[in-house]
PDB file of N, CA and C in Angstrom:
ATOM      1  N   MET A   1      70.674 -29.064  81.053  1.00  0.00           N
ATOM      2  CA  MET A   1      72.113 -29.090  80.870  1.00  0.00           C
ATOM      3  C   MET A   1      72.382 -29.854  79.575  1.00  0.00           C
ATOM      4  N   SER A   2      73.300 -29.365  78.773  1.00  0.00           N
ATOM      5  CA  SER A   2      73.677 -29.996  77.497  1.00  0.00           C
ATOM      6  C   SER A   2      74.360 -31.337  77.773  1.00  0.00           C
ATOM      7  N   VAL A   3      74.395 -32.162  76.760  1.00  0.00           N
ATOM      8  CA  VAL A   3      75.059 -33.470  76.869  1.00  0.00           C
ATOM      9  C   VAL A   3      76.555 -33.218  77.077  1.00  0.00           C
ATOM     10  N   THR A   4      77.107 -32.222  76.403  1.00  0.00           N
ATOM     11  CA  THR A   4      78.515 -31.891  76.547  1.00  0.00           C
ATOM     12  C   THR A   4      78.797 -31.543  78.021  1.00  0.00           C
ATOM     13  N   ALA A   5      77.985 -30.729  78.611  1.00  0.00           N
ATOM     14  CA  ALA A   5      78.190 -30.360  80.043  1.00  0.00           C
ATOM     15  C   ALA A   5      77.986 -31.572  80.959  1.00  0.00           C
ATOM     16  N   GLN A   6      77.077 -32.441  80.617  1.00  0.00           N
ATOM     17  CA  GLN A   6      76.837 -33.641  81.464  1.00  0.00           C
ATOM     18  C   GLN A   6      78.056 -34.597  81.394  1.00  0.00           C
ATOM     19  N   ILE A   7      78.629 -34.762  80.175  1.00  0.00           N
ATOM     20  CA  ILE A   7      79.839 -35.553  80.043  1.00  0.00           C
ATOM     21  C   ILE A   7      80.954 -34.999  80.871  1.00  0.00           C
ATOM     22  N   GLU A   8      81.169 -33.705  80.750  1.00  0.00           N
ATOM     23  CA  GLU A   8      82.260 -33.043  81.494  1.00  0.00           C
ATOM     24  C   GLU A   8      82.017 -33.168  83.010  1.00  0.00           C
ATOM     25  N   ALA A   9      80.821 -32.933  83.478  1.00  0.00           N
ATOM     26  CA  ALA A   9      80.509 -33.035  84.921  1.00  0.00           C
ATOM     27  C   ALA A   9      80.740 -34.444  85.451  1.00  0.00           C
ATOM     28  N   ALA A  10      80.265 -35.444  84.672  1.00  0.00           N
ATOM     29  CA  ALA A  10      80.420 -36.854  85.117  1.00  0.00           C
ATOM     30  C   ALA A  10      81.886 -37.249  85.206  1.00  0.00           C
ATOM     31  N   LEU A  11      82.698 -36.845  84.206  1.00  0.00           N
ATOM     32  CA  LEU A  11      84.117 -37.195  84.230  1.00  0.00           C
ATOM     33  C   LEU A  11      84.863 -36.473  85.351  1.00  0.00           C
ATOM     34  N   ARG A  12      84.528 -35.195  85.577  1.00  0.00           N
ATOM     35  CA  ARG A  12      85.182 -34.483  86.666  1.00  0.00           C
ATOM     36  C   ARG A  12      84.797 -35.078  88.038  1.00  0.00           C
ATOM     37  N   ALA A  13      83.611 -35.598  88.147  1.00  0.00           N
ATOM     38  CA  ALA A  13      83.172 -36.219  89.427  1.00  0.00           C
ATOM     39  C   ALA A  13      83.857 -37.576  89.657  1.00  0.00           C
ATOM     40  N   ALA A  14      84.182 -38.263  88.596  1.00  0.00           N
ATOM     41  CA  ALA A  14      84.715 -39.626  88.708  1.00  0.00           C
ATOM     42  C   ALA A  14      86.259 -39.660  88.747  1.00  0.00           C
ATOM     43  N   PHE A  15      86.915 -38.674  88.160  1.00  0.00           N
ATOM     44  CA  PHE A  15      88.349 -38.736  87.972  1.00  0.00           C
ATOM     45  C   PHE A  15      89.000 -37.452  88.558  1.00  0.00           C
ATOM     46  N   THR A  16      90.284 -37.570  88.902  1.00  0.00           N
ATOM     47  CA  THR A  16      91.080 -36.401  89.235  1.00  0.00           C
ATOM     48  C   THR A  16      91.609 -35.852  87.918  1.00  0.00           C
ATOM     49  N   VAL A  17      90.867 -34.917  87.338  1.00  0.00           N
ATOM     50  CA  VAL A  17      91.162 -34.485  85.986  1.00  0.00           C
ATOM     51  C   VAL A  17      92.334 -33.520  85.957  1.00  0.00           C
ATOM     52  N   GLU A  18      93.350 -33.919  85.153  1.00  0.00           N
ATOM     53  CA  GLU A  18      94.465 -33.003  84.862  1.00  0.00           C
ATOM     54  C   GLU A  18      94.228 -32.202  83.630  1.00  0.00           C
ATOM     55  N   SER A  19      93.510 -32.815  82.659  1.00  0.00           N
ATOM     56  CA  SER A  19      93.168 -32.202  81.411  1.00  0.00           C
ATOM     57  C   SER A  19      91.908 -32.854  80.846  1.00  0.00           C
ATOM     58  N   LEU A  20      90.987 -32.011  80.362  1.00  0.00           N
ATOM     59  CA  LEU A  20      89.726 -32.562  79.822  1.00  0.00           C
ATOM     60  C   LEU A  20      89.210 -31.645  78.735  1.00  0.00           C
ATOM     61  N   GLN A  21      88.940 -32.273  77.583  1.00  0.00           N
ATOM     62  CA  GLN A  21      88.299 -31.568  76.468  1.00  0.00           C
ATOM     63  C   GLN A  21      87.139 -32.425  75.975  1.00  0.00           C
ATOM     64  N   VAL A  22      85.978 -31.856  75.905  1.00  0.00           N
ATOM     65  CA  VAL A  22      84.788 -32.526  75.391  1.00  0.00           C
ATOM     66  C   VAL A  22      84.304 -31.722  74.219  1.00  0.00           C
ATOM     67  N   ASN A  23      84.362 -32.290  73.013  1.00  0.00           N
ATOM     68  CA  ASN A  23      83.985 -31.595  71.816  1.00  0.00           C
ATOM     69  C   ASN A  23      82.767 -32.280  71.141  1.00  0.00           C
ATOM     70  N   ASP A  24      81.744 -31.524  70.876  1.00  0.00           N
ATOM     71  CA  ASP A  24      80.589 -32.020  70.137  1.00  0.00           C
ATOM     72  C   ASP A  24      80.937 -31.916  68.674  1.00  0.00           C
ATOM     73  N   VAL A  25      81.149 -33.059  68.015  1.00  0.00           N
ATOM     74  CA  VAL A  25      81.517 -33.077  66.582  1.00  0.00           C
ATOM     75  C   VAL A  25      80.404 -33.582  65.736  1.00  0.00           C
ATOM     76  N   SER A  26      79.207 -33.451  66.214  1.00  0.00           N
ATOM     77  CA  SER A  26      78.034 -34.010  65.543  1.00  0.00           C
ATOM     78  C   SER A  26      77.853 -33.455  64.136  1.00  0.00           C
ATOM     79  N   GLU A  27      78.059 -32.178  63.952  1.00  0.00           N
ATOM     80  CA  GLU A  27      77.814 -31.561  62.665  1.00  0.00           C
ATOM     81  C   GLU A  27      78.664 -32.172  61.594  1.00  0.00           C
ATOM     82  N   ALA A  28      79.847 -32.652  61.924  1.00  0.00           N
ATOM     83  CA  ALA A  28      80.739 -33.306  60.957  1.00  0.00           C
ATOM     84  C   ALA A  28      80.140 -34.643  60.453  1.00  0.00           C
ATOM     85  N   HIS A  29      79.110 -35.091  61.152  1.00  0.00           N
ATOM     86  CA  HIS A  29      78.512 -36.414  60.813  1.00  0.00           C
ATOM     87  C   HIS A  29      77.085 -36.251  60.201  1.00  0.00           C
ATOM     88  N   ARG A  30      76.747 -35.033  59.767  1.00  0.00           N
ATOM     89  CA  ARG A  30      75.468 -34.782  59.121  1.00  0.00           C
ATOM     90  C   ARG A  30      75.304 -35.762  57.959  1.00  0.00           C
ATOM     91  N   GLY A  31      74.183 -36.430  57.902  1.00  0.00           N
ATOM     92  CA  GLY A  31      73.917 -37.360  56.837  1.00  0.00           C
ATOM     93  C   GLY A  31      74.324 -38.787  57.139  1.00  0.00           C
ATOM     94  N   HIS A  32      75.066 -38.961  58.257  1.00  0.00           N
ATOM     95  CA  HIS A  32      75.526 -40.310  58.643  1.00  0.00           C
ATOM     96  C   HIS A  32      74.560 -40.912  59.671  1.00  0.00           C
ATOM     97  N   ALA A  33      74.688 -42.189  59.887  1.00  0.00           N
ATOM     98  CA  ALA A  33      73.861 -42.858  60.889  1.00  0.00           C
ATOM     99  C   ALA A  33      74.057 -42.183  62.251  1.00  0.00           C
ATOM    100  N   GLY A  34      72.956 -42.070  62.970  1.00  0.00           N
ATOM    101  CA  GLY A  34      72.976 -41.518  64.335  1.00  0.00           C
ATOM    102  C   GLY A  34      72.983 -40.035  64.431  1.00  0.00           C
ATOM    103  N   PHE A  35      73.128 -39.319  63.322  1.00  0.00           N
ATOM    104  CA  PHE A  35      73.075 -37.856  63.367  1.00  0.00           C
ATOM    105  C   PHE A  35      71.655 -37.440  63.739  1.00  0.00           C
ATOM    106  N   GLN A  36      71.630 -36.457  64.642  1.00  0.00           N
ATOM    107  CA  GLN A  36      70.334 -35.860  64.980  1.00  0.00           C
ATOM    108  C   GLN A  36      70.413 -34.366  64.896  1.00  0.00           C
ATOM    109  N   GLU A  37      69.356 -33.760  64.364  1.00  0.00           N
ATOM    110  CA  GLU A  37      69.314 -32.323  64.221  1.00  0.00           C
ATOM    111  C   GLU A  37      69.539 -31.678  65.616  1.00  0.00           C
ATOM    112  N   GLY A  38      70.382 -30.672  65.639  1.00  0.00           N
ATOM    113  CA  GLY A  38      70.697 -30.013  66.886  1.00  0.00           C
ATOM    114  C   GLY A  38      71.968 -30.544  67.564  1.00  0.00           C
ATOM    115  N   GLY A  39      72.525 -31.564  66.993  1.00  0.00           N
ATOM    116  CA  GLY A  39      73.793 -32.113  67.518  1.00  0.00           C
ATOM    117  C   GLY A  39      73.672 -32.959  68.734  1.00  0.00           C
ATOM    118  N   GLU A  40      74.711 -32.984  69.510  1.00  0.00           N
ATOM    119  CA  GLU A  40      74.786 -33.709  70.763  1.00  0.00           C
ATOM    120  C   GLU A  40      74.577 -35.251  70.561  1.00  0.00           C
ATOM    121  N   SER A  41      75.216 -35.751  69.512  1.00  0.00           N
ATOM    122  CA  SER A  41      75.122 -37.184  69.211  1.00  0.00           C
ATOM    123  C   SER A  41      76.531 -37.823  69.037  1.00  0.00           C
ATOM    124  N   HIS A  42      77.502 -37.018  68.622  1.00  0.00           N
ATOM    125  CA  HIS A  42      78.885 -37.465  68.332  1.00  0.00           C
ATOM    126  C   HIS A  42      79.835 -36.626  69.160  1.00  0.00           C
ATOM    127  N   PHE A  43      80.742 -37.268  69.903  1.00  0.00           N
ATOM    128  CA  PHE A  43      81.647 -36.530  70.781  1.00  0.00           C
ATOM    129  C   PHE A  43      83.089 -37.054  70.676  1.00  0.00           C
ATOM    130  N   ASP A  44      84.020 -36.133  70.779  1.00  0.00           N
ATOM    131  CA  ASP A  44      85.424 -36.453  70.970  1.00  0.00           C
ATOM    132  C   ASP A  44      85.781 -36.020  72.387  1.00  0.00           C
ATOM    133  N   VAL A  45      86.374 -36.949  73.175  1.00  0.00           N
ATOM    134  CA  VAL A  45      86.757 -36.641  74.549  1.00  0.00           C
ATOM    135  C   VAL A  45      88.240 -36.951  74.726  1.00  0.00           C
ATOM    136  N   ALA A  46      88.989 -35.987  75.229  1.00  0.00           N
ATOM    137  CA  ALA A  46      90.392 -36.170  75.571  1.00  0.00           C
ATOM    138  C   ALA A  46      90.514 -35.954  77.093  1.00  0.00           C
ATOM    139  N   LEU A  47      90.948 -36.964  77.783  1.00  0.00           N
ATOM    140  CA  LEU A  47      91.021 -36.926  79.267  1.00  0.00           C
ATOM    141  C   LEU A  47      92.387 -37.417  79.724  1.00  0.00           C
ATOM    142  N   THR A  48      93.002 -36.647  80.612  1.00  0.00           N
ATOM    143  CA  THR A  48      94.191 -37.069  81.310  1.00  0.00           C
ATOM    144  C   THR A  48      93.845 -37.101  82.791  1.00  0.00           C
ATOM    145  N   ALA A  49      94.038 -38.277  83.401  1.00  0.00           N
ATOM    146  CA  ALA A  49      93.733 -38.468  84.793  1.00  0.00           C
ATOM    147  C   ALA A  49      94.624 -39.556  85.366  1.00  0.00           C
ATOM    148  N   PRO A  50      95.144 -39.401  86.582  1.00  0.00           N
ATOM    149  CA  PRO A  50      96.032 -40.409  87.161  1.00  0.00           C
ATOM    150  C   PRO A  50      95.371 -41.778  87.397  1.00  0.00           C
ATOM    151  N   GLU A  51      94.049 -41.795  87.522  1.00  0.00           N
ATOM    152  CA  GLU A  51      93.326 -43.062  87.728  1.00  0.00           C
ATOM    153  C   GLU A  51      93.476 -44.004  86.534  1.00  0.00           C
ATOM    154  N   LEU A  52      93.843 -43.482  85.412  1.00  0.00           N
ATOM    155  CA  LEU A  52      93.996 -44.270  84.183  1.00  0.00           C
ATOM    156  C   LEU A  52      95.346 -44.954  84.053  1.00  0.00           C
ATOM    157  N   ALA A  53      96.256 -44.602  84.907  1.00  0.00           N
ATOM    158  CA  ALA A  53      97.616 -45.169  84.857  1.00  0.00           C
ATOM    159  C   ALA A  53      97.602 -46.674  85.090  1.00  0.00           C
ATOM    160  N   GLY A  54      98.351 -47.366  84.236  1.00  0.00           N
ATOM    161  CA  GLY A  54      98.490 -48.816  84.397  1.00  0.00           C
ATOM    162  C   GLY A  54      97.348 -49.625  83.885  1.00  0.00           C
ATOM    163  N   LYS A  55      96.314 -48.992  83.350  1.00  0.00           N
ATOM    164  CA  LYS A  55      95.151 -49.691  82.799  1.00  0.00           C
ATOM    165  C   LYS A  55      95.343 -49.944  81.318  1.00  0.00           C
ATOM    166  N   THR A  56      94.770 -51.051  80.887  1.00  0.00           N
ATOM    167  CA  THR A  56      94.776 -51.320  79.454  1.00  0.00           C
ATOM    168  C   THR A  56      93.810 -50.347  78.759  1.00  0.00           C
ATOM    169  N   ARG A  57      93.907 -50.294  77.443  1.00  0.00           N
ATOM    170  CA  ARG A  57      92.997 -49.417  76.679  1.00  0.00           C
ATOM    171  C   ARG A  57      91.552 -49.758  76.972  1.00  0.00           C
ATOM    172  N   ILE A  58      91.254 -51.032  76.992  1.00  0.00           N
ATOM    173  CA  ILE A  58      89.845 -51.472  77.245  1.00  0.00           C
ATOM    174  C   ILE A  58      89.433 -51.060  78.665  1.00  0.00           C
ATOM    175  N   ALA A  59      90.295 -51.255  79.617  1.00  0.00           N
ATOM    176  CA  ALA A  59      89.978 -50.897  81.005  1.00  0.00           C
ATOM    177  C   ALA A  59      89.724 -49.386  81.140  1.00  0.00           C
ATOM    178  N   LYS A  60      90.502 -48.571  80.402  1.00  0.00           N
ATOM    179  CA  LYS A  60      90.298 -47.117  80.438  1.00  0.00           C
ATOM    180  C   LYS A  60      88.933 -46.769  79.871  1.00  0.00           C
ATOM    181  N   HIS A  61      88.608 -47.374  78.728  1.00  0.00           N
ATOM    182  CA  HIS A  61      87.316 -47.111  78.113  1.00  0.00           C
ATOM    183  C   HIS A  61      86.148 -47.558  79.026  1.00  0.00           C
ATOM    184  N   ARG A  62      86.307 -48.685  79.624  1.00  0.00           N
ATOM    185  CA  ARG A  62      85.271 -49.153  80.566  1.00  0.00           C
ATOM    186  C   ARG A  62      85.092 -48.164  81.737  1.00  0.00           C
ATOM    187  N   ALA A  63      86.232 -47.659  82.238  1.00  0.00           N
ATOM    188  CA  ALA A  63      86.167 -46.721  83.375  1.00  0.00           C
ATOM    189  C   ALA A  63      85.376 -45.467  82.962  1.00  0.00           C
ATOM    190  N   VAL A  64      85.635 -44.955  81.737  1.00  0.00           N
ATOM    191  CA  VAL A  64      84.921 -43.770  81.266  1.00  0.00           C
ATOM    192  C   VAL A  64      83.451 -44.069  81.090  1.00  0.00           C
ATOM    193  N   HIS A  65      83.128 -45.230  80.487  1.00  0.00           N
ATOM    194  CA  HIS A  65      81.729 -45.580  80.255  1.00  0.00           C
ATOM    195  C   HIS A  65      80.996 -45.754  81.598  1.00  0.00           C
ATOM    196  N   ALA A  66      81.657 -46.329  82.617  1.00  0.00           N
ATOM    197  CA  ALA A  66      81.085 -46.472  83.940  1.00  0.00           C
ATOM    198  C   ALA A  66      80.818 -45.120  84.567  1.00  0.00           C
ATOM    199  N   ALA A  67      81.767 -44.203  84.386  1.00  0.00           N
ATOM    200  CA  ALA A  67      81.638 -42.860  84.947  1.00  0.00           C
ATOM    201  C   ALA A  67      80.433 -42.133  84.295  1.00  0.00           C
ATOM    202  N   LEU A  68      80.263 -42.316  83.002  1.00  0.00           N
ATOM    203  CA  LEU A  68      79.163 -41.633  82.310  1.00  0.00           C
ATOM    204  C   LEU A  68      77.794 -42.254  82.659  1.00  0.00           C
ATOM    205  N   GLY A  69      77.802 -43.565  82.853  1.00  0.00           N
ATOM    206  CA  GLY A  69      76.552 -44.265  83.211  1.00  0.00           C
ATOM    207  C   GLY A  69      75.674 -44.635  82.004  1.00  0.00           C
ATOM    208  N   PRO A  70      74.862 -45.640  82.154  1.00  0.00           N
ATOM    209  CA  PRO A  70      74.104 -46.140  81.032  1.00  0.00           C
ATOM    210  C   PRO A  70      73.081 -45.136  80.459  1.00  0.00           C
ATOM    211  N   GLU A  71      72.534 -44.251  81.253  1.00  0.00           N
ATOM    212  CA  GLU A  71      71.549 -43.286  80.721  1.00  0.00           C
ATOM    213  C   GLU A  71      72.205 -42.338  79.780  1.00  0.00           C
ATOM    214  N   LEU A  72      73.354 -41.799  80.215  1.00  0.00           N
ATOM    215  CA  LEU A  72      74.061 -40.818  79.322  1.00  0.00           C
ATOM    216  C   LEU A  72      74.681 -41.517  78.135  1.00  0.00           C
ATOM    217  N   ILE A  73      75.295 -42.688  78.335  1.00  0.00           N
ATOM    218  CA  ILE A  73      75.870 -43.421  77.208  1.00  0.00           C
ATOM    219  C   ILE A  73      74.758 -43.751  76.197  1.00  0.00           C
ATOM    220  N   GLY A  74      73.583 -44.035  76.637  1.00  0.00           N
ATOM    221  CA  GLY A  74      72.472 -44.345  75.741  1.00  0.00           C
ATOM    222  C   GLY A  74      72.027 -43.173  74.890  1.00  0.00           C
ATOM    223  N   ARG A  75      72.366 -41.975  75.256  1.00  0.00           N
ATOM    224  CA  ARG A  75      72.010 -40.774  74.481  1.00  0.00           C
ATOM    225  C   ARG A  75      73.102 -40.373  73.490  1.00  0.00           C
ATOM    226  N   ILE A  76      74.250 -41.055  73.540  1.00  0.00           N
ATOM    227  CA  ILE A  76      75.382 -40.711  72.673  1.00  0.00           C
ATOM    228  C   ILE A  76      75.499 -41.765  71.578  1.00  0.00           C
ATOM    229  N   HIS A  77      75.546 -41.327  70.309  1.00  0.00           N
ATOM    230  CA  HIS A  77      75.658 -42.281  69.224  1.00  0.00           C
ATOM    231  C   HIS A  77      77.120 -42.709  69.021  1.00  0.00           C
ATOM    232  N   ALA A  78      78.071 -41.743  69.134  1.00  0.00           N
ATOM    233  CA  ALA A  78      79.463 -42.044  68.923  1.00  0.00           C
ATOM    234  C   ALA A  78      80.320 -41.274  69.912  1.00  0.00           C
ATOM    235  N   LEU A  79      81.308 -41.982  70.491  1.00  0.00           N
ATOM    236  CA  LEU A  79      82.140 -41.398  71.506  1.00  0.00           C
ATOM    237  C   LEU A  79      83.586 -41.798  71.226  1.00  0.00           C
ATOM    238  N   SER A  80      84.413 -40.830  70.803  1.00  0.00           N
ATOM    239  CA  SER A  80      85.793 -41.064  70.540  1.00  0.00           C
ATOM    240  C   SER A  80      86.584 -40.676  71.809  1.00  0.00           C
ATOM    241  N   LEU A  81      87.422 -41.589  72.276  1.00  0.00           N
ATOM    242  CA  LEU A  81      88.168 -41.349  73.527  1.00  0.00           C
ATOM    243  C   LEU A  81      89.676 -41.347  73.307  1.00  0.00           C
ATOM    244  N   ASP A  82      90.302 -40.288  73.798  1.00  0.00           N
ATOM    245  CA  ASP A  82      91.791 -40.178  73.878  1.00  0.00           C
ATOM    246  C   ASP A  82      92.123 -40.097  75.341  1.00  0.00           C
ATOM    247  N   LEU A  83      92.564 -41.197  75.934  1.00  0.00           N
ATOM    248  CA  LEU A  83      92.720 -41.294  77.374  1.00  0.00           C
ATOM    249  C   LEU A  83      94.181 -41.483  77.741  1.00  0.00           C
ATOM    250  N   LYS A  84      94.632 -40.657  78.708  1.00  0.00           N
ATOM    251  CA  LYS A  84      96.040 -40.723  79.163  1.00  0.00           C
ATOM    252  C   LYS A  84      96.126 -40.624  80.676  1.00  0.00           C
ATOM    253  N   PRO A  85      97.115 -41.344  81.254  1.00  0.00           N
ATOM    254  CA  PRO A  85      97.324 -41.212  82.673  1.00  0.00           C
ATOM    255  C   PRO A  85      97.997 -39.907  83.088  1.00  0.00           C
TER     256      PRO A  85
END
């Protein structure tokens, strides 16, 4: 399973997803630190879920990182998050 699919599956399992977009933007970072041939190193994630309501920005990010888990987070070089309740 691709890293993109793993991110999506983990977030759908952890949250009541109203909207989710996971984009592999690795190619845009070719030549930069963390780029790996074949992609799957840099991601943009947009998530709307009611569980995020009332949380600070840091708490939202922590919730997403916890949902993804240390093994998956360790395989990602850069993760841009756009999180909404």
